[in-house]
Amino acid sequence: MQDKDCQNFLKEIADQCDYFYINSELTGHKFVEANDLAKTIENLKINCQILPNFSAIFSDINQRFSQTNNLVLITGSLYQASEFLLENNC
């Protein structure tokens, strides 16, 4: 969201992240534009991908990382975390 200090937050977690997904479905005057957020993330040398919704993100996570033991960190809101948990039967 625009009222959050996402750049400093991302700096704090950058060395712990290998990949970052951006949900472009979350738009509006309260949200940081997906392309702007992607530029910030890429400047921190983190790979990222913009996808259109939670389902696409969860599907990509399952395909890309299903053969490895990875930690998934969901940031942004409890709504996003609950969607992930529901989608993955957690």
N, C-alpha and C. Protein backbone atom coordinates (compact mmCIF):
# COMPACT_ATOMS: atom_id res chain seq x y z
N MET A 1 0.84 -1.17 0.00
CA MET A 1 0.00 0.00 0.00
C MET A 1 0.89 1.24 0.00
N GLN A 2 0.39 2.33 -0.54
CA GLN A 2 1.19 3.53 -0.69
C GLN A 2 1.59 4.17 0.63
N ASP A 3 0.83 3.94 1.68
CA ASP A 3 1.16 4.56 2.96
C ASP A 3 2.17 3.74 3.76
N LYS A 4 2.68 2.66 3.20
CA LYS A 4 3.67 1.81 3.86
C LYS A 4 5.05 2.05 3.26
N ASP A 5 6.07 1.84 4.06
CA ASP A 5 7.45 2.02 3.62
C ASP A 5 7.96 0.70 3.03
N CYS A 6 7.45 0.36 1.86
CA CYS A 6 7.78 -0.94 1.28
C CYS A 6 9.24 -1.03 0.87
N GLN A 7 9.85 0.07 0.47
CA GLN A 7 11.25 0.01 0.04
C GLN A 7 12.16 -0.42 1.20
N ASN A 8 11.99 0.18 2.36
CA ASN A 8 12.82 -0.21 3.50
C ASN A 8 12.49 -1.60 3.99
N PHE A 9 11.21 -1.98 3.95
CA PHE A 9 10.82 -3.34 4.32
C PHE A 9 11.50 -4.34 3.39
N LEU A 10 11.45 -4.07 2.09
CA LEU A 10 12.07 -4.98 1.12
C LEU A 10 13.58 -5.05 1.32
N LYS A 11 14.22 -3.94 1.66
CA LYS A 11 15.66 -3.95 1.94
C LYS A 11 15.96 -4.88 3.11
N GLU A 12 15.09 -4.90 4.10
CA GLU A 12 15.30 -5.73 5.28
C GLU A 12 15.22 -7.23 4.96
N ILE A 13 14.37 -7.60 4.02
CA ILE A 13 14.20 -9.02 3.71
C ILE A 13 14.91 -9.47 2.44
N ALA A 14 15.53 -8.55 1.72
CA ALA A 14 16.11 -8.85 0.41
C ALA A 14 17.10 -10.01 0.43
N ASP A 15 17.95 -10.07 1.45
CA ASP A 15 18.95 -11.13 1.47
C ASP A 15 18.36 -12.49 1.84
N GLN A 16 17.09 -12.53 2.21
CA GLN A 16 16.41 -13.78 2.56
C GLN A 16 15.51 -14.28 1.43
N CYS A 17 15.38 -13.50 0.35
CA CYS A 17 14.43 -13.82 -0.72
C CYS A 17 15.14 -14.16 -2.02
N ASP A 18 14.66 -15.20 -2.66
CA ASP A 18 15.16 -15.57 -3.98
C ASP A 18 14.19 -15.19 -5.09
N TYR A 19 12.92 -15.08 -4.73
CA TYR A 19 11.89 -14.84 -5.74
C TYR A 19 10.74 -14.09 -5.10
N PHE A 20 10.14 -13.20 -5.86
CA PHE A 20 9.06 -12.38 -5.34
C PHE A 20 7.94 -12.32 -6.37
N TYR A 21 6.72 -12.52 -5.92
CA TYR A 21 5.54 -12.40 -6.78
C TYR A 21 4.78 -11.13 -6.44
N ILE A 22 4.25 -10.49 -7.46
CA ILE A 22 3.42 -9.30 -7.29
C ILE A 22 2.05 -9.60 -7.87
N ASN A 23 1.03 -9.33 -7.09
CA ASN A 23 -0.35 -9.53 -7.52
C ASN A 23 -0.86 -8.24 -8.17
N SER A 24 -1.02 -8.26 -9.49
CA SER A 24 -1.47 -7.05 -10.19
C SER A 24 -2.97 -6.81 -10.03
N GLU A 25 -3.68 -7.78 -9.44
CA GLU A 25 -5.10 -7.63 -9.19
C GLU A 25 -5.38 -6.54 -8.16
N LEU A 26 -4.43 -6.31 -7.27
CA LEU A 26 -4.59 -5.31 -6.22
C LEU A 26 -4.21 -3.94 -6.78
N THR A 27 -5.20 -3.22 -7.26
CA THR A 27 -4.97 -1.91 -7.86
C THR A 27 -5.87 -0.88 -7.19
N GLY A 28 -5.58 0.36 -7.45
CA GLY A 28 -6.38 1.44 -6.90
C GLY A 28 -5.50 2.48 -6.24
N HIS A 29 -6.11 3.52 -5.76
CA HIS A 29 -5.36 4.65 -5.24
C HIS A 29 -4.59 4.31 -3.96
N LYS A 30 -4.94 3.24 -3.26
CA LYS A 30 -4.24 2.87 -2.03
C LYS A 30 -3.01 2.00 -2.28
N PHE A 31 -2.93 1.39 -3.45
CA PHE A 31 -1.88 0.42 -3.72
C PHE A 31 -0.75 1.00 -4.56
N VAL A 32 0.46 0.50 -4.31
CA VAL A 32 1.60 0.82 -5.16
C VAL A 32 1.39 0.09 -6.48
N GLU A 33 1.65 0.77 -7.58
CA GLU A 33 1.50 0.14 -8.89
C GLU A 33 2.45 -1.05 -9.02
N ALA A 34 1.97 -2.12 -9.62
CA ALA A 34 2.74 -3.36 -9.74
C ALA A 34 4.09 -3.13 -10.43
N ASN A 35 4.11 -2.35 -11.51
CA ASN A 35 5.37 -2.10 -12.21
C ASN A 35 6.35 -1.30 -11.37
N ASP A 36 5.86 -0.36 -10.57
CA ASP A 36 6.73 0.41 -9.69
C ASP A 36 7.32 -0.48 -8.60
N LEU A 37 6.50 -1.36 -8.05
CA LEU A 37 6.98 -2.28 -7.03
C LEU A 37 8.01 -3.24 -7.64
N ALA A 38 7.76 -3.71 -8.84
CA ALA A 38 8.71 -4.61 -9.52
C ALA A 38 10.07 -3.93 -9.71
N LYS A 39 10.07 -2.67 -10.08
CA LYS A 39 11.34 -1.94 -10.25
C LYS A 39 12.09 -1.85 -8.93
N THR A 40 11.39 -1.57 -7.84
CA THR A 40 12.01 -1.51 -6.53
C THR A 40 12.62 -2.85 -6.17
N ILE A 41 11.90 -3.92 -6.41
CA ILE A 41 12.38 -5.26 -6.10
C ILE A 41 13.58 -5.63 -6.96
N GLU A 42 13.50 -5.36 -8.24
CA GLU A 42 14.61 -5.67 -9.15
C GLU A 42 15.86 -4.87 -8.80
N ASN A 43 15.70 -3.63 -8.33
CA ASN A 43 16.85 -2.83 -7.90
C ASN A 43 17.56 -3.45 -6.70
N LEU A 44 16.84 -4.27 -5.95
CA LEU A 44 17.42 -4.96 -4.80
C LEU A 44 17.99 -6.33 -5.20
N LYS A 45 18.02 -6.59 -6.51
CA LYS A 45 18.56 -7.83 -7.07
C LYS A 45 17.77 -9.07 -6.67
N ILE A 46 16.45 -8.91 -6.57
CA ILE A 46 15.56 -10.03 -6.30
C ILE A 46 14.76 -10.31 -7.58
N ASN A 47 14.70 -11.56 -7.98
CA ASN A 47 13.87 -11.93 -9.12
C ASN A 47 12.41 -11.74 -8.75
N CYS A 48 11.64 -11.21 -9.68
CA CYS A 48 10.21 -11.04 -9.39
C CYS A 48 9.39 -11.24 -10.66
N GLN A 49 8.12 -11.48 -10.43
CA GLN A 49 7.18 -11.70 -11.53
C GLN A 49 5.84 -11.09 -11.14
N ILE A 50 5.23 -10.40 -12.08
CA ILE A 50 3.89 -9.85 -11.88
C ILE A 50 2.90 -10.84 -12.49
N LEU A 51 1.94 -11.27 -11.67
CA LEU A 51 0.90 -12.17 -12.14
C LEU A 51 -0.46 -11.56 -11.83
N PRO A 52 -1.52 -11.97 -12.56
CA PRO A 52 -2.80 -11.25 -12.49
C PRO A 52 -3.65 -11.48 -11.25
N ASN A 53 -3.39 -12.55 -10.49
CA ASN A 53 -4.24 -12.82 -9.33
C ASN A 53 -3.60 -13.87 -8.43
N PHE A 54 -4.25 -14.10 -7.28
CA PHE A 54 -3.74 -15.07 -6.33
C PHE A 54 -3.63 -16.47 -6.93
N SER A 55 -4.64 -16.89 -7.65
CA SER A 55 -4.63 -18.24 -8.23
C SER A 55 -3.42 -18.46 -9.13
N ALA A 56 -3.12 -17.49 -9.96
CA ALA A 56 -1.96 -17.61 -10.85
C ALA A 56 -0.66 -17.67 -10.05
N ILE A 57 -0.57 -16.87 -9.00
CA ILE A 57 0.63 -16.88 -8.15
C ILE A 57 0.78 -18.23 -7.46
N PHE A 58 -0.30 -18.73 -6.86
CA PHE A 58 -0.23 -20.00 -6.15
C PHE A 58 0.09 -21.14 -7.10
N SER A 59 -0.46 -21.11 -8.28
CA SER A 59 -0.18 -22.14 -9.28
C SER A 59 1.30 -22.12 -9.66
N ASP A 60 1.84 -20.93 -9.87
CA ASP A 60 3.25 -20.82 -10.24
C ASP A 60 4.16 -21.28 -9.10
N ILE A 61 3.82 -20.93 -7.87
CA ILE A 61 4.60 -21.39 -6.71
C ILE A 61 4.62 -22.92 -6.68
N ASN A 62 3.45 -23.52 -6.84
CA ASN A 62 3.37 -24.99 -6.80
C ASN A 62 4.15 -25.64 -7.93
N GLN A 63 4.13 -25.06 -9.11
CA GLN A 63 4.87 -25.63 -10.25
C GLN A 63 6.37 -25.39 -10.11
N ARG A 64 6.75 -24.19 -9.76
CA ARG A 64 8.16 -23.80 -9.71
C ARG A 64 8.89 -24.44 -8.54
N PHE A 65 8.24 -24.57 -7.41
CA PHE A 65 8.93 -24.97 -6.19
C PHE A 65 8.46 -26.29 -5.60
N SER A 66 7.65 -27.06 -6.31
CA SER A 66 7.09 -28.28 -5.74
C SER A 66 8.14 -29.35 -5.46
N GLN A 67 9.23 -29.34 -6.17
CA GLN A 67 10.25 -30.37 -6.01
C GLN A 67 11.31 -30.00 -4.98
N THR A 68 11.18 -28.86 -4.35
CA THR A 68 12.18 -28.42 -3.38
C THR A 68 11.50 -28.05 -2.07
N ASN A 69 12.28 -27.99 -1.04
CA ASN A 69 11.78 -27.61 0.27
C ASN A 69 12.03 -26.12 0.46
N ASN A 70 11.01 -25.30 0.25
CA ASN A 70 11.16 -23.85 0.32
C ASN A 70 10.21 -23.26 1.35
N LEU A 71 10.59 -22.11 1.80
CA LEU A 71 9.76 -21.32 2.69
C LEU A 71 9.06 -20.25 1.85
N VAL A 72 7.76 -20.13 2.02
CA VAL A 72 6.99 -19.11 1.32
C VAL A 72 6.62 -18.04 2.32
N LEU A 73 7.03 -16.82 2.06
CA LEU A 73 6.70 -15.67 2.91
C LEU A 73 5.67 -14.84 2.17
N ILE A 74 4.54 -14.61 2.80
CA ILE A 74 3.49 -13.80 2.20
C ILE A 74 3.43 -12.49 2.95
N THR A 75 3.62 -11.40 2.23
CA THR A 75 3.56 -10.08 2.84
C THR A 75 2.47 -9.28 2.16
N GLY A 76 2.06 -8.24 2.80
CA GLY A 76 1.08 -7.35 2.18
C GLY A 76 -0.19 -7.24 2.99
N SER A 77 -0.76 -8.37 3.36
CA SER A 77 -1.97 -8.31 4.16
C SER A 77 -2.33 -9.70 4.66
N LEU A 78 -3.13 -9.73 5.70
CA LEU A 78 -3.64 -11.01 6.19
C LEU A 78 -4.58 -11.63 5.16
N TYR A 79 -5.24 -10.81 4.35
CA TYR A 79 -6.11 -11.32 3.30
C TYR A 79 -5.32 -12.20 2.34
N GLN A 80 -4.12 -11.75 1.94
CA GLN A 80 -3.30 -12.54 1.04
C GLN A 80 -2.86 -13.84 1.70
N ALA A 81 -2.48 -13.77 2.95
CA ALA A 81 -2.06 -14.98 3.66
C ALA A 81 -3.21 -15.97 3.77
N SER A 82 -4.41 -15.49 4.09
CA SER A 82 -5.55 -16.41 4.23
C SER A 82 -5.90 -17.04 2.89
N GLU A 83 -5.80 -16.29 1.80
CA GLU A 83 -6.06 -16.85 0.48
C GLU A 83 -5.08 -17.97 0.16
N PHE A 84 -3.81 -17.75 0.47
CA PHE A 84 -2.79 -18.77 0.23
C PHE A 84 -3.09 -20.03 1.05
N LEU A 85 -3.40 -19.85 2.33
CA LEU A 85 -3.67 -20.99 3.19
C LEU A 85 -4.89 -21.77 2.72
N LEU A 86 -5.94 -21.08 2.32
CA LEU A 86 -7.14 -21.75 1.81
C LEU A 86 -6.86 -22.49 0.51
N GLU A 87 -6.10 -21.85 -0.37
CA GLU A 87 -5.78 -22.46 -1.67
C GLU A 87 -4.95 -23.73 -1.50
N ASN A 88 -4.14 -23.77 -0.46
CA ASN A 88 -3.23 -24.90 -0.25
C ASN A 88 -3.68 -25.83 0.87
N ASN A 89 -4.95 -25.75 1.23
CA ASN A 89 -5.54 -26.63 2.24
C ASN A 89 -4.75 -26.68 3.54
N CYS A 90 -4.30 -25.54 3.99
CA CYS A 90 -3.53 -25.45 5.24
C CYS A 90 -4.43 -25.11 6.40
